[in-house]
């Protein structure tokens, strides 16, 4: 057997062994679970939000805890309020007419799908 084919066979057998071990462990857990321990299975099967990212700090450097506080911290940090006063854009501009699907389409196709532009530290 060539070296590459041995590696492929070993990798396949390793994956099968892992799947079998997981299946056996899961079946053993379900057989031995009783009472409220059965509900711990739901914690393993339901998707969880990854909270390992950077903590969001508010103005006073306290950490934002709930969903509403996190939302307010993001809005305050990345979308500051505009300057005071009344602003009205100048009329008569026509630059927007040059932007169309034929211009934007190819640019979107070559853009990276896994990163967000800017330094907002919010991933795609």
PDB file of N, CA and C in Angstrom:
ATOM      1  N   UNK A   1       0.831  -1.184   0.000  1.00  0.00           N
ATOM      2  CA  UNK A   1       0.000   0.000   0.000  1.00  0.00           C
ATOM      3  C   UNK A   1       0.878   1.250   0.000  1.00  0.00           C
ATOM      4  N   UNK A   2       0.504   2.181  -0.786  1.00  0.00           N
ATOM      5  CA  UNK A   2       1.251   3.441  -0.829  1.00  0.00           C
ATOM      6  C   UNK A   2       1.009   4.229   0.451  1.00  0.00           C
ATOM      7  N   UNK A   3       1.887   5.143   0.756  1.00  0.00           N
ATOM      8  CA  UNK A   3       1.802   5.927   1.983  1.00  0.00           C
ATOM      9  C   UNK A   3       0.510   6.718   2.101  1.00  0.00           C
ATOM     10  N   UNK A   4       0.083   7.342   1.006  1.00  0.00           N
ATOM     11  CA  UNK A   4      -1.121   8.175   1.019  1.00  0.00           C
ATOM     12  C   UNK A   4      -2.353   7.321   1.286  1.00  0.00           C
ATOM     13  N   UNK A   5      -2.434   6.168   0.640  1.00  0.00           N
ATOM     14  CA  UNK A   5      -3.622   5.334   0.821  1.00  0.00           C
ATOM     15  C   UNK A   5      -3.687   4.791   2.249  1.00  0.00           C
ATOM     16  N   UNK A   6      -2.547   4.518   2.876  1.00  0.00           N
ATOM     17  CA  UNK A   6      -2.550   4.083   4.276  1.00  0.00           C
ATOM     18  C   UNK A   6      -3.055   5.198   5.195  1.00  0.00           C
ATOM     19  N   UNK A   7      -2.648   6.396   4.885  1.00  0.00           N
ATOM     20  CA  UNK A   7      -3.117   7.545   5.677  1.00  0.00           C
ATOM     21  C   UNK A   7      -4.622   7.689   5.545  1.00  0.00           C
ATOM     22  N   UNK A   8      -5.140   7.552   4.337  1.00  0.00           N
ATOM     23  CA  UNK A   8      -6.587   7.677   4.123  1.00  0.00           C
ATOM     24  C   UNK A   8      -7.342   6.601   4.871  1.00  0.00           C
ATOM     25  N   UNK A   9      -6.843   5.367   4.827  1.00  0.00           N
ATOM     26  CA  UNK A   9      -7.502   4.262   5.528  1.00  0.00           C
ATOM     27  C   UNK A   9      -7.468   4.505   7.035  1.00  0.00           C
ATOM     28  N   UNK A  10      -6.331   4.932   7.547  1.00  0.00           N
ATOM     29  CA  UNK A  10      -6.208   5.194   8.982  1.00  0.00           C
ATOM     30  C   UNK A  10      -7.136   6.332   9.412  1.00  0.00           C
ATOM     31  N   UNK A  11      -7.206   7.375   8.601  1.00  0.00           N
ATOM     32  CA  UNK A  11      -8.086   8.503   8.911  1.00  0.00           C
ATOM     33  C   UNK A  11      -9.546   8.065   8.931  1.00  0.00           C
ATOM     34  N   UNK A  12      -9.946   7.238   7.945  1.00  0.00           N
ATOM     35  CA  UNK A  12     -11.311   6.751   7.878  1.00  0.00           C
ATOM     36  C   UNK A  12     -11.643   5.902   9.105  1.00  0.00           C
ATOM     37  N   UNK A  13     -10.737   5.005   9.486  1.00  0.00           N
ATOM     38  CA  UNK A  13     -10.965   4.162  10.659  1.00  0.00           C
ATOM     39  C   UNK A  13     -11.020   4.993  11.937  1.00  0.00           C
ATOM     40  N   UNK A  14     -10.205   6.022  12.014  1.00  0.00           N
ATOM     41  CA  UNK A  14     -10.212   6.907  13.177  1.00  0.00           C
ATOM     42  C   UNK A  14     -11.555   7.619  13.300  1.00  0.00           C
ATOM     43  N   UNK A  15     -12.053   8.152  12.195  1.00  0.00           N
ATOM     44  CA  UNK A  15     -13.357   8.837  12.217  1.00  0.00           C
ATOM     45  C   UNK A  15     -14.473   7.887  12.614  1.00  0.00           C
ATOM     46  N   UNK A  16     -14.429   6.652  12.088  1.00  0.00           N
ATOM     47  CA  UNK A  16     -15.439   5.659  12.455  1.00  0.00           C
ATOM     48  C   UNK A  16     -15.386   5.339  13.941  1.00  0.00           C
ATOM     49  N   UNK A  17     -14.176   5.219  14.481  1.00  0.00           N
ATOM     50  CA  UNK A  17     -14.029   4.933  15.903  1.00  0.00           C
ATOM     51  C   UNK A  17     -14.576   6.081  16.750  1.00  0.00           C
ATOM     52  N   UNK A  18     -14.338   7.318  16.326  1.00  0.00           N
ATOM     53  CA  UNK A  18     -14.861   8.478  17.058  1.00  0.00           C
ATOM     54  C   UNK A  18     -16.382   8.480  17.031  1.00  0.00           C
ATOM     55  N   UNK A  19     -16.972   8.260  15.846  1.00  0.00           N
ATOM     56  CA  UNK A  19     -18.432   8.234  15.746  1.00  0.00           C
ATOM     57  C   UNK A  19     -19.028   7.137  16.609  1.00  0.00           C
ATOM     58  N   UNK A  20     -18.395   5.961  16.613  1.00  0.00           N
ATOM     59  CA  UNK A  20     -18.890   4.837  17.418  1.00  0.00           C
ATOM     60  C   UNK A  20     -18.795   5.165  18.902  1.00  0.00           C
ATOM     61  N   UNK A  21     -17.680   5.770  19.326  1.00  0.00           N
ATOM     62  CA  UNK A  21     -17.514   6.133  20.733  1.00  0.00           C
ATOM     63  C   UNK A  21     -18.561   7.166  21.157  1.00  0.00           C
ATOM     64  N   UNK A  22     -18.822   8.138  20.313  1.00  0.00           N
ATOM     65  CA  UNK A  22     -19.840   9.150  20.616  1.00  0.00           C
ATOM     66  C   UNK A  22     -21.217   8.514  20.726  1.00  0.00           C
ATOM     67  N   UNK A  23     -21.530   7.637  19.766  1.00  0.00           N
ATOM     68  CA  UNK A  23     -22.826   6.968  19.757  1.00  0.00           C
ATOM     69  C   UNK A  23     -22.992   6.107  21.005  1.00  0.00           C
ATOM     70  N   UNK A  24     -21.972   5.348  21.367  1.00  0.00           N
ATOM     71  CA  UNK A  24     -22.040   4.495  22.558  1.00  0.00           C
ATOM     72  C   UNK A  24     -22.202   5.323  23.830  1.00  0.00           C
ATOM     73  N   UNK A  25     -21.449   6.418  23.922  1.00  0.00           N
ATOM     74  CA  UNK A  25     -21.537   7.294  25.094  1.00  0.00           C
ATOM     75  C   UNK A  25     -22.934   7.901  25.211  1.00  0.00           C
ATOM     76  N   UNK A  26     -23.472   8.359  24.098  1.00  0.00           N
ATOM     77  CA  UNK A  26     -24.803   8.962  24.086  1.00  0.00           C
ATOM     78  C   UNK A  26     -25.868   7.941  24.473  1.00  0.00           C
ATOM     79  N   UNK A  27     -25.790   6.742  23.905  1.00  0.00           N
ATOM     80  CA  UNK A  27     -26.768   5.708  24.228  1.00  0.00           C
ATOM     81  C   UNK A  27     -26.673   5.299  25.698  1.00  0.00           C
ATOM     82  N   UNK A  28     -25.467   5.207  26.235  1.00  0.00           N
ATOM     83  CA  UNK A  28     -25.286   4.868  27.645  1.00  0.00           C
ATOM     84  C   UNK A  28     -25.887   5.958  28.527  1.00  0.00           C
ATOM     85  N   UNK A  29     -25.666   7.235  28.159  1.00  0.00           N
ATOM     86  CA  UNK A  29     -26.249   8.341  28.922  1.00  0.00           C
ATOM     87  C   UNK A  29     -27.772   8.250  28.925  1.00  0.00           C
ATOM     88  N   UNK A  30     -28.364   7.997  27.760  1.00  0.00           N
ATOM     89  CA  UNK A  30     -29.824   7.931  27.686  1.00  0.00           C
ATOM     90  C   UNK A  30     -30.383   6.753  28.474  1.00  0.00           C
ATOM     91  N   UNK A  31     -29.677   5.646  28.515  1.00  0.00           N
ATOM     92  CA  UNK A  31     -30.134   4.476  29.262  1.00  0.00           C
ATOM     93  C   UNK A  31     -30.057   4.713  30.772  1.00  0.00           C
ATOM     94  N   UNK A  32     -29.030   5.426  31.219  1.00  0.00           N
ATOM     95  CA  UNK A  32     -28.826   5.616  32.650  1.00  0.00           C
ATOM     96  C   UNK A  32     -29.501   6.869  33.196  1.00  0.00           C
ATOM     97  N   UNK A  33     -29.966   7.762  32.324  1.00  0.00           N
ATOM     98  CA  UNK A  33     -30.557   9.023  32.768  1.00  0.00           C
ATOM     99  C   UNK A  33     -31.908   8.768  33.421  1.00  0.00           C
ATOM    100  N   UNK A  34     -32.163   9.466  34.521  1.00  0.00           N
ATOM    101  CA  UNK A  34     -33.457   9.358  35.191  1.00  0.00           C
ATOM    102  C   UNK A  34     -33.810  10.716  35.794  1.00  0.00           C
ATOM    103  N   UNK A  35     -35.086  10.942  35.984  1.00  0.00           N
ATOM    104  CA  UNK A  35     -35.552  12.188  36.579  1.00  0.00           C
ATOM    105  C   UNK A  35     -35.182  13.401  35.738  1.00  0.00           C
ATOM    106  N   UNK A  36     -34.687  14.421  36.406  1.00  0.00           N
ATOM    107  CA  UNK A  36     -34.343  15.668  35.717  1.00  0.00           C
ATOM    108  C   UNK A  36     -33.061  15.571  34.909  1.00  0.00           C
ATOM    109  N   UNK A  37     -32.289  14.501  35.122  1.00  0.00           N
ATOM    110  CA  UNK A  37     -31.049  14.348  34.372  1.00  0.00           C
ATOM    111  C   UNK A  37     -31.325  14.188  32.873  1.00  0.00           C
ATOM    112  N   UNK A  38     -32.524  13.725  32.538  1.00  0.00           N
ATOM    113  CA  UNK A  38     -32.894  13.576  31.129  1.00  0.00           C
ATOM    114  C   UNK A  38     -32.856  14.927  30.425  1.00  0.00           C
ATOM    115  N   UNK A  39     -33.211  15.991  31.158  1.00  0.00           N
ATOM    116  CA  UNK A  39     -33.274  17.316  30.540  1.00  0.00           C
ATOM    117  C   UNK A  39     -31.901  17.888  30.260  1.00  0.00           C
ATOM    118  N   UNK A  40     -30.858  17.343  30.840  1.00  0.00           N
ATOM    119  CA  UNK A  40     -29.519  17.837  30.516  1.00  0.00           C
ATOM    120  C   UNK A  40     -29.161  17.509  29.074  1.00  0.00           C
ATOM    121  N   UNK A  41     -29.837  16.507  28.502  1.00  0.00           N
ATOM    122  CA  UNK A  41     -29.601  16.184  27.095  1.00  0.00           C
ATOM    123  C   UNK A  41     -29.980  17.356  26.201  1.00  0.00           C
ATOM    124  N   UNK A  42     -31.001  18.109  26.599  1.00  0.00           N
ATOM    125  CA  UNK A  42     -31.420  19.264  25.797  1.00  0.00           C
ATOM    126  C   UNK A  42     -30.307  20.304  25.727  1.00  0.00           C
ATOM    127  N   UNK A  43     -29.512  20.438  26.781  1.00  0.00           N
ATOM    128  CA  UNK A  43     -28.408  21.403  26.767  1.00  0.00           C
ATOM    129  C   UNK A  43     -27.344  21.014  25.748  1.00  0.00           C
ATOM    130  N   UNK A  44     -27.211  19.716  25.466  1.00  0.00           N
ATOM    131  CA  UNK A  44     -26.214  19.264  24.504  1.00  0.00           C
ATOM    132  C   UNK A  44     -26.717  19.315  23.062  1.00  0.00           C
ATOM    133  N   UNK A  45     -28.026  19.304  22.887  1.00  0.00           N
ATOM    134  CA  UNK A  45     -28.569  19.233  21.534  1.00  0.00           C
ATOM    135  C   UNK A  45     -29.078  20.559  21.005  1.00  0.00           C
ATOM    136  N   UNK A  46     -29.327  21.546  21.877  1.00  0.00           N
ATOM    137  CA  UNK A  46     -29.817  22.832  21.396  1.00  0.00           C
ATOM    138  C   UNK A  46     -28.638  23.746  21.086  1.00  0.00           C
ATOM    139  N   UNK A  47     -28.732  24.524  20.008  1.00  0.00           N
ATOM    140  CA  UNK A  47     -27.633  25.430  19.672  1.00  0.00           C
ATOM    141  C   UNK A  47     -27.505  26.527  20.723  1.00  0.00           C
ATOM    142  N   UNK A  48     -26.277  26.907  21.009  1.00  0.00           N
ATOM    143  CA  UNK A  48     -26.016  27.952  21.995  1.00  0.00           C
ATOM    144  C   UNK A  48     -25.328  29.126  21.319  1.00  0.00           C
ATOM    145  N   UNK A  49     -25.580  30.297  21.846  1.00  0.00           N
ATOM    146  CA  UNK A  49     -24.901  31.495  21.358  1.00  0.00           C
ATOM    147  C   UNK A  49     -23.502  31.499  21.939  1.00  0.00           C
ATOM    148  N   UNK A  50     -22.533  31.724  21.093  1.00  0.00           N
ATOM    149  CA  UNK A  50     -21.151  31.755  21.544  1.00  0.00           C
ATOM    150  C   UNK A  50     -20.904  33.059  22.288  1.00  0.00           C
ATOM    151  N   UNK A  51     -20.616  32.970  23.573  1.00  0.00           N
ATOM    152  CA  UNK A  51     -20.385  34.175  24.369  1.00  0.00           C
ATOM    153  C   UNK A  51     -18.916  34.310  24.747  1.00  0.00           C
ATOM    154  N   UNK A  52     -18.041  33.725  23.943  1.00  0.00           N
ATOM    155  CA  UNK A  52     -16.625  33.801  24.270  1.00  0.00           C
ATOM    156  C   UNK A  52     -15.975  35.051  23.709  1.00  0.00           C
ATOM    157  N   UNK A  53     -16.731  35.858  22.992  1.00  0.00           N
ATOM    158  CA  UNK A  53     -16.170  37.064  22.393  1.00  0.00           C
ATOM    159  C   UNK A  53     -15.871  38.126  23.434  1.00  0.00           C
ATOM    160  N   UNK A  54     -15.444  39.234  22.977  1.00  0.00           N
ATOM    161  CA  UNK A  54     -15.077  40.335  23.855  1.00  0.00           C
ATOM    162  C   UNK A  54     -16.324  40.900  24.526  1.00  0.00           C
ATOM    163  N   UNK A  55     -16.237  41.205  25.802  1.00  0.00           N
ATOM    164  CA  UNK A  55     -17.355  41.778  26.538  1.00  0.00           C
ATOM    165  C   UNK A  55     -17.603  43.205  26.056  1.00  0.00           C
ATOM    166  N   UNK A  56     -18.855  43.596  26.027  1.00  0.00           N
ATOM    167  CA  UNK A  56     -19.208  44.949  25.614  1.00  0.00           C
ATOM    168  C   UNK A  56     -19.257  45.847  26.839  1.00  0.00           C
ATOM    169  N   UNK A  57     -18.510  46.926  26.791  1.00  0.00           N
ATOM    170  CA  UNK A  57     -18.484  47.872  27.907  1.00  0.00           C
ATOM    171  C   UNK A  57     -19.273  49.120  27.516  1.00  0.00           C
ATOM    172  N   UNK A  58     -20.008  49.643  28.491  1.00  0.00           N
ATOM    173  CA  UNK A  58     -20.773  50.871  28.268  1.00  0.00           C
ATOM    174  C   UNK A  58     -19.916  52.081  28.603  1.00  0.00           C
ATOM    175  N   UNK A  59     -20.531  53.258  28.562  1.00  0.00           N
ATOM    176  CA  UNK A  59     -19.813  54.512  28.808  1.00  0.00           C
ATOM    177  C   UNK A  59     -19.014  54.485  30.106  1.00  0.00           C
ATOM    178  N   UNK A  60     -19.624  54.101  31.200  1.00  0.00           N
ATOM    179  CA  UNK A  60     -18.967  54.109  32.500  1.00  0.00           C
ATOM    180  C   UNK A  60     -18.060  52.920  32.710  1.00  0.00           C
ATOM    181  N   UNK A  61     -17.704  52.216  31.637  1.00  0.00           N
ATOM    182  CA  UNK A  61     -16.825  51.050  31.644  1.00  0.00           C
ATOM    183  C   UNK A  61     -17.449  49.850  32.352  1.00  0.00           C
ATOM    184  N   UNK A  62     -18.771  49.898  32.668  1.00  0.00           N
ATOM    185  CA  UNK A  62     -19.425  48.718  33.216  1.00  0.00           C
ATOM    186  C   UNK A  62     -19.802  47.803  32.056  1.00  0.00           C
ATOM    187  N   UNK A  63     -19.873  46.520  32.304  1.00  0.00           N
ATOM    188  CA  UNK A  63     -20.123  45.541  31.245  1.00  0.00           C
ATOM    189  C   UNK A  63     -21.620  45.438  30.980  1.00  0.00           C
ATOM    190  N   UNK A  64     -21.998  45.468  29.722  1.00  0.00           N
ATOM    191  CA  UNK A  64     -23.397  45.331  29.322  1.00  0.00           C
ATOM    192  C   UNK A  64     -23.829  43.892  29.541  1.00  0.00           C
ATOM    193  N   UNK A  65     -24.908  43.684  30.276  1.00  0.00           N
ATOM    194  CA  UNK A  65     -25.333  42.336  30.648  1.00  0.00           C
ATOM    195  C   UNK A  65     -26.403  41.771  29.719  1.00  0.00           C
ATOM    196  N   UNK A  66     -27.546  42.410  29.652  1.00  0.00           N
ATOM    197  CA  UNK A  66     -28.667  41.860  28.893  1.00  0.00           C
ATOM    198  C   UNK A  66     -28.623  42.223  27.422  1.00  0.00           C
ATOM    199  N   UNK A  67     -29.597  41.671  26.682  1.00  0.00           N
ATOM    200  CA  UNK A  67     -29.676  41.923  25.243  1.00  0.00           C
ATOM    201  C   UNK A  67     -29.848  43.419  24.967  1.00  0.00           C
ATOM    202  N   UNK A  68     -30.742  44.085  25.700  1.00  0.00           N
ATOM    203  CA  UNK A  68     -31.011  45.502  25.458  1.00  0.00           C
ATOM    204  C   UNK A  68     -29.768  46.339  25.758  1.00  0.00           C
ATOM    205  N   UNK A  69     -29.055  46.014  26.852  1.00  0.00           N
ATOM    206  CA  UNK A  69     -27.847  46.776  27.186  1.00  0.00           C
ATOM    207  C   UNK A  69     -26.750  46.574  26.146  1.00  0.00           C
ATOM    208  N   UNK A  70     -26.615  45.343  25.626  1.00  0.00           N
ATOM    209  CA  UNK A  70     -25.625  45.087  24.569  1.00  0.00           C
ATOM    210  C   UNK A  70     -25.972  45.869  23.314  1.00  0.00           C
ATOM    211  N   UNK A  71     -27.248  45.870  22.983  1.00  0.00           N
ATOM    212  CA  UNK A  71     -27.699  46.613  21.796  1.00  0.00           C
ATOM    213  C   UNK A  71     -27.373  48.093  21.947  1.00  0.00           C
ATOM    214  N   UNK A  72     -27.652  48.660  23.104  1.00  0.00           N
ATOM    215  CA  UNK A  72     -27.376  50.076  23.324  1.00  0.00           C
ATOM    216  C   UNK A  72     -25.873  50.361  23.283  1.00  0.00           C
ATOM    217  N   UNK A  73     -25.054  49.440  23.825  1.00  0.00           N
ATOM    218  CA  UNK A  73     -23.599  49.637  23.808  1.00  0.00           C
ATOM    219  C   UNK A  73     -23.071  49.637  22.378  1.00  0.00           C
ATOM    220  N   UNK A  74     -23.565  48.721  21.544  1.00  0.00           N
ATOM    221  CA  UNK A  74     -23.130  48.674  20.140  1.00  0.00           C
ATOM    222  C   UNK A  74     -23.571  49.932  19.402  1.00  0.00           C
ATOM    223  N   UNK A  75     -24.824  50.325  19.603  1.00  0.00           N
ATOM    224  CA  UNK A  75     -25.316  51.534  18.931  1.00  0.00           C
ATOM    225  C   UNK A  75     -24.516  52.757  19.349  1.00  0.00           C
ATOM    226  N   UNK A  76     -24.222  52.878  20.627  1.00  0.00           N
ATOM    227  CA  UNK A  76     -23.486  54.051  21.099  1.00  0.00           C
ATOM    228  C   UNK A  76     -22.038  54.053  20.592  1.00  0.00           C
ATOM    229  N   UNK A  77     -21.406  52.882  20.558  1.00  0.00           N
ATOM    230  CA  UNK A  77     -19.996  52.816  20.176  1.00  0.00           C
ATOM    231  C   UNK A  77     -19.782  52.970  18.681  1.00  0.00           C
ATOM    232  N   UNK A  78     -20.671  52.414  17.881  1.00  0.00           N
ATOM    233  CA  UNK A  78     -20.423  52.365  16.438  1.00  0.00           C
ATOM    234  C   UNK A  78     -21.332  53.265  15.605  1.00  0.00           C
ATOM    235  N   UNK A  79     -22.348  53.819  16.221  1.00  0.00           N
ATOM    236  CA  UNK A  79     -23.258  54.708  15.496  1.00  0.00           C
ATOM    237  C   UNK A  79     -23.481  55.964  16.332  1.00  0.00           C
ATOM    238  N   UNK A  80     -22.477  56.828  16.415  1.00  0.00           N
ATOM    239  CA  UNK A  80     -22.617  58.022  17.250  1.00  0.00           C
ATOM    240  C   UNK A  80     -23.682  58.960  16.685  1.00  0.00           C
ATOM    241  N   UNK A  81     -24.206  59.792  17.571  1.00  0.00           N
ATOM    242  CA  UNK A  81     -25.217  60.766  17.145  1.00  0.00           C
ATOM    243  C   UNK A  81     -24.554  61.832  16.290  1.00  0.00           C
ATOM    244  N   UNK A  82     -25.322  62.408  15.412  1.00  0.00           N
ATOM    245  CA  UNK A  82     -24.813  63.440  14.511  1.00  0.00           C
ATOM    246  C   UNK A  82     -24.585  64.756  15.227  1.00  0.00           C
ATOM    247  N   UNK A  83     -23.994  65.701  14.536  1.00  0.00           N
ATOM    248  CA  UNK A  83     -23.761  67.009  15.152  1.00  0.00           C
ATOM    249  C   UNK A  83     -25.087  67.721  15.393  1.00  0.00           C
ATOM    250  N   UNK A  84     -25.105  68.616  16.374  1.00  0.00           N
ATOM    251  CA  UNK A  84     -26.350  69.346  16.644  1.00  0.00           C
ATOM    252  C   UNK A  84     -26.683  70.299  15.497  1.00  0.00           C
ATOM    253  N   UNK A  85     -27.939  70.602  15.384  1.00  0.00           N
ATOM    254  CA  UNK A  85     -28.375  71.520  14.344  1.00  0.00           C
ATOM    255  C   UNK A  85     -29.126  70.789  13.250  1.00  0.00           C
ATOM    256  N   UNK A  86     -29.541  71.567  12.276  1.00  0.00           N
ATOM    257  CA  UNK A  86     -30.330  71.019  11.187  1.00  0.00           C
ATOM    258  C   UNK A  86     -29.455  70.926   9.946  1.00  0.00           C
ATOM    259  N   UNK A  87     -29.387  69.752   9.350  1.00  0.00           N
ATOM    260  CA  UNK A  87     -28.575  69.562   8.167  1.00  0.00           C
ATOM    261  C   UNK A  87     -29.469  69.190   6.997  1.00  0.00           C
ATOM    262  N   UNK A  88     -29.274  69.872   5.904  1.00  0.00           N
ATOM    263  CA  UNK A  88     -30.004  69.530   4.684  1.00  0.00           C
ATOM    264  C   UNK A  88     -28.987  69.388   3.571  1.00  0.00           C
ATOM    265  N   UNK A  89     -28.979  68.240   2.898  1.00  0.00           N
ATOM    266  CA  UNK A  89     -28.002  68.052   1.828  1.00  0.00           C
ATOM    267  C   UNK A  89     -28.292  68.991   0.655  1.00  0.00           C
ATOM    268  N   UNK A  90     -27.229  69.293  -0.066  1.00  0.00           N
ATOM    269  CA  UNK A  90     -27.382  70.155  -1.237  1.00  0.00           C
ATOM    270  C   UNK A  90     -28.194  69.422  -2.294  1.00  0.00           C
ATOM    271  N   UNK A  91     -29.047  70.115  -2.955  1.00  0.00           N
ATOM    272  CA  UNK A  91     -29.885  69.485  -3.977  1.00  0.00           C
ATOM    273  C   UNK A  91     -29.169  69.495  -5.327  1.00  0.00           C
ATOM    274  N   UNK A  92     -29.606  68.657  -6.220  1.00  0.00           N
ATOM    275  CA  UNK A  92     -29.094  68.664  -7.574  1.00  0.00           C
ATOM    276  C   UNK A  92     -28.008  67.660  -7.856  1.00  0.00           C
ATOM    277  N   UNK A  93     -27.578  66.862  -6.885  1.00  0.00           N
ATOM    278  CA  UNK A  93     -26.537  65.872  -7.132  1.00  0.00           C
ATOM    279  C   UNK A  93     -27.063  64.726  -7.979  1.00  0.00           C
ATOM    280  N   UNK A  94     -26.248  64.196  -8.885  1.00  0.00           N
ATOM    281  CA  UNK A  94     -26.679  63.116  -9.771  1.00  0.00           C
ATOM    282  C   UNK A  94     -25.728  61.907  -9.706  1.00  0.00           C
ATOM    283  N   UNK A  95     -24.774  61.913  -8.772  1.00  0.00           N
ATOM    284  CA  UNK A  95     -23.785  60.842  -8.710  1.00  0.00           C
ATOM    285  C   UNK A  95     -24.429  59.481  -8.436  1.00  0.00           C
ATOM    286  N   UNK A  96     -25.544  59.469  -7.713  1.00  0.00           N
ATOM    287  CA  UNK A  96     -26.195  58.204  -7.377  1.00  0.00           C
ATOM    288  C   UNK A  96     -26.679  57.455  -8.614  1.00  0.00           C
ATOM    289  N   UNK A  97     -26.871  58.144  -9.706  1.00  0.00           N
ATOM    290  CA  UNK A  97     -27.372  57.489 -10.920  1.00  0.00           C
ATOM    291  C   UNK A  97     -26.327  56.568 -11.544  1.00  0.00           C
ATOM    292  N   UNK A  98     -25.045  56.777 -11.232  1.00  0.00           N
ATOM    293  CA  UNK A  98     -24.001  55.925 -11.789  1.00  0.00           C
ATOM    294  C   UNK A  98     -23.914  54.567 -11.099  1.00  0.00           C
ATOM    295  N   UNK A  99     -24.491  54.438  -9.895  1.00  0.00           N
ATOM    296  CA  UNK A  99     -24.456  53.177  -9.159  1.00  0.00           C
ATOM    297  C   UNK A  99     -25.633  52.328  -9.611  1.00  0.00           C
ATOM    298  N   UNK A 100     -25.327  51.131 -10.117  1.00  0.00           N
ATOM    299  CA  UNK A 100     -26.383  50.220 -10.561  1.00  0.00           C
ATOM    300  C   UNK A 100     -25.945  48.778 -10.300  1.00  0.00           C
ATOM    301  N   UNK A 101     -26.784  47.821 -10.657  1.00  0.00           N
ATOM    302  CA  UNK A 101     -26.504  46.406 -10.402  1.00  0.00           C
ATOM    303  C   UNK A 101     -25.277  45.932 -11.174  1.00  0.00           C
ATOM    304  N   UNK A 102     -25.036  46.456 -12.365  1.00  0.00           N
ATOM    305  CA  UNK A 102     -23.879  46.036 -13.151  1.00  0.00           C
ATOM    306  C   UNK A 102     -22.565  46.496 -12.504  1.00  0.00           C
ATOM    307  N   UNK A 103     -22.602  47.580 -11.764  1.00  0.00           N
ATOM    308  CA  UNK A 103     -21.410  48.069 -11.084  1.00  0.00           C
ATOM    309  C   UNK A 103     -21.191  47.343  -9.758  1.00  0.00           C
ATOM    310  N   UNK A 104     -22.252  47.152  -9.000  1.00  0.00           N
ATOM    311  CA  UNK A 104     -22.142  46.580  -7.658  1.00  0.00           C
ATOM    312  C   UNK A 104     -21.962  45.063  -7.697  1.00  0.00           C
ATOM    313  N   UNK A 105     -22.615  44.375  -8.625  1.00  0.00           N
ATOM    314  CA  UNK A 105     -22.568  42.911  -8.693  1.00  0.00           C
ATOM    315  C   UNK A 105     -21.170  42.329  -8.723  1.00  0.00           C
ATOM    316  N   UNK A 106     -20.317  42.720  -9.682  1.00  0.00           N
ATOM    317  CA  UNK A 106     -18.958  42.174  -9.708  1.00  0.00           C
ATOM    318  C   UNK A 106     -18.131  42.525  -8.471  1.00  0.00           C
ATOM    319  N   UNK A 107     -18.371  43.684  -7.889  1.00  0.00           N
ATOM    320  CA  UNK A 107     -17.635  44.058  -6.683  1.00  0.00           C
ATOM    321  C   UNK A 107     -18.012  43.165  -5.505  1.00  0.00           C
ATOM    322  N   UNK A 108     -19.277  42.819  -5.389  1.00  0.00           N
ATOM    323  CA  UNK A 108     -19.709  41.933  -4.318  1.00  0.00           C
ATOM    324  C   UNK A 108     -19.158  40.528  -4.499  1.00  0.00           C
ATOM    325  N   UNK A 109     -19.016  40.086  -5.737  1.00  0.00           N
ATOM    326  CA  UNK A 109     -18.508  38.742  -5.989  1.00  0.00           C
ATOM    327  C   UNK A 109     -17.055  38.585  -5.579  1.00  0.00           C
ATOM    328  N   UNK A 110     -16.262  39.636  -5.691  1.00  0.00           N
ATOM    329  CA  UNK A 110     -14.846  39.534  -5.339  1.00  0.00           C
ATOM    330  C   UNK A 110     -14.576  39.932  -3.884  1.00  0.00           C
ATOM    331  N   UNK A 111     -15.590  40.417  -3.164  1.00  0.00           N
ATOM    332  CA  UNK A 111     -15.406  40.804  -1.766  1.00  0.00           C
ATOM    333  C   UNK A 111     -15.307  39.563  -0.891  1.00  0.00           C
ATOM    334  N   UNK A 112     -14.558  39.653   0.210  1.00  0.00           N
ATOM    335  CA  UNK A 112     -14.414  38.534   1.144  1.00  0.00           C
ATOM    336  C   UNK A 112     -15.737  38.298   1.870  1.00  0.00           C
ATOM    337  N   UNK A 113     -16.082  37.032   2.059  1.00  0.00           N
ATOM    338  CA  UNK A 113     -17.330  36.691   2.739  1.00  0.00           C
ATOM    339  C   UNK A 113     -17.151  36.505   4.234  1.00  0.00           C
ATOM    340  N   UNK A 114     -15.933  36.432   4.716  1.00  0.00           N
ATOM    341  CA  UNK A 114     -15.718  36.083   6.114  1.00  0.00           C
ATOM    342  C   UNK A 114     -15.254  37.241   6.988  1.00  0.00           C
ATOM    343  N   UNK A 115     -15.253  38.443   6.479  1.00  0.00           N
ATOM    344  CA  UNK A 115     -14.802  39.550   7.306  1.00  0.00           C
ATOM    345  C   UNK A 115     -15.686  40.767   7.083  1.00  0.00           C
ATOM    346  N   UNK A 116     -15.708  41.615   8.076  1.00  0.00           N
ATOM    347  CA  UNK A 116     -16.486  42.852   7.977  1.00  0.00           C
ATOM    348  C   UNK A 116     -15.530  44.014   7.715  1.00  0.00           C
ATOM    349  N   UNK A 117     -15.900  44.951   6.883  1.00  0.00           N
ATOM    350  CA  UNK A 117     -15.018  46.093   6.647  1.00  0.00           C
ATOM    351  C   UNK A 117     -14.964  47.003   7.877  1.00  0.00           C
ATOM    352  N   UNK A 118     -13.869  47.665   8.036  1.00  0.00           N
ATOM    353  CA  UNK A 118     -13.742  48.632   9.109  1.00  0.00           C
ATOM    354  C   UNK A 118     -13.162  48.042  10.373  1.00  0.00           C
ATOM    355  N   UNK A 119     -13.056  48.873  11.392  1.00  0.00           N
ATOM    356  CA  UNK A 119     -12.454  48.446  12.651  1.00  0.00           C
ATOM    357  C   UNK A 119     -13.518  48.274  13.728  1.00  0.00           C
ATOM    358  N   UNK A 120     -14.729  47.900  13.342  1.00  0.00           N
ATOM    359  CA  UNK A 120     -15.809  47.752  14.315  1.00  0.00           C
ATOM    360  C   UNK A 120     -15.726  46.466  15.124  1.00  0.00           C
ATOM    361  N   UNK A 121     -14.810  45.571  14.773  1.00  0.00           N
ATOM    362  CA  UNK A 121     -14.583  44.309  15.462  1.00  0.00           C
ATOM    363  C   UNK A 121     -15.842  43.442  15.513  1.00  0.00           C
ATOM    364  N   UNK A 122     -16.734  43.619  14.562  1.00  0.00           N
ATOM    365  CA  UNK A 122     -17.918  42.769  14.473  1.00  0.00           C
ATOM    366  C   UNK A 122     -17.723  41.903  13.240  1.00  0.00           C
ATOM    367  N   UNK A 123     -17.608  40.598  13.446  1.00  0.00           N
ATOM    368  CA  UNK A 123     -17.327  39.708  12.314  1.00  0.00           C
ATOM    369  C   UNK A 123     -18.586  39.471  11.500  1.00  0.00           C
ATOM    370  N   UNK A 124     -18.377  38.928  10.290  1.00  0.00           N
ATOM    371  CA  UNK A 124     -19.498  38.645   9.414  1.00  0.00           C
ATOM    372  C   UNK A 124     -20.364  37.564  10.007  1.00  0.00           C
TER     373      UNK A 124
END
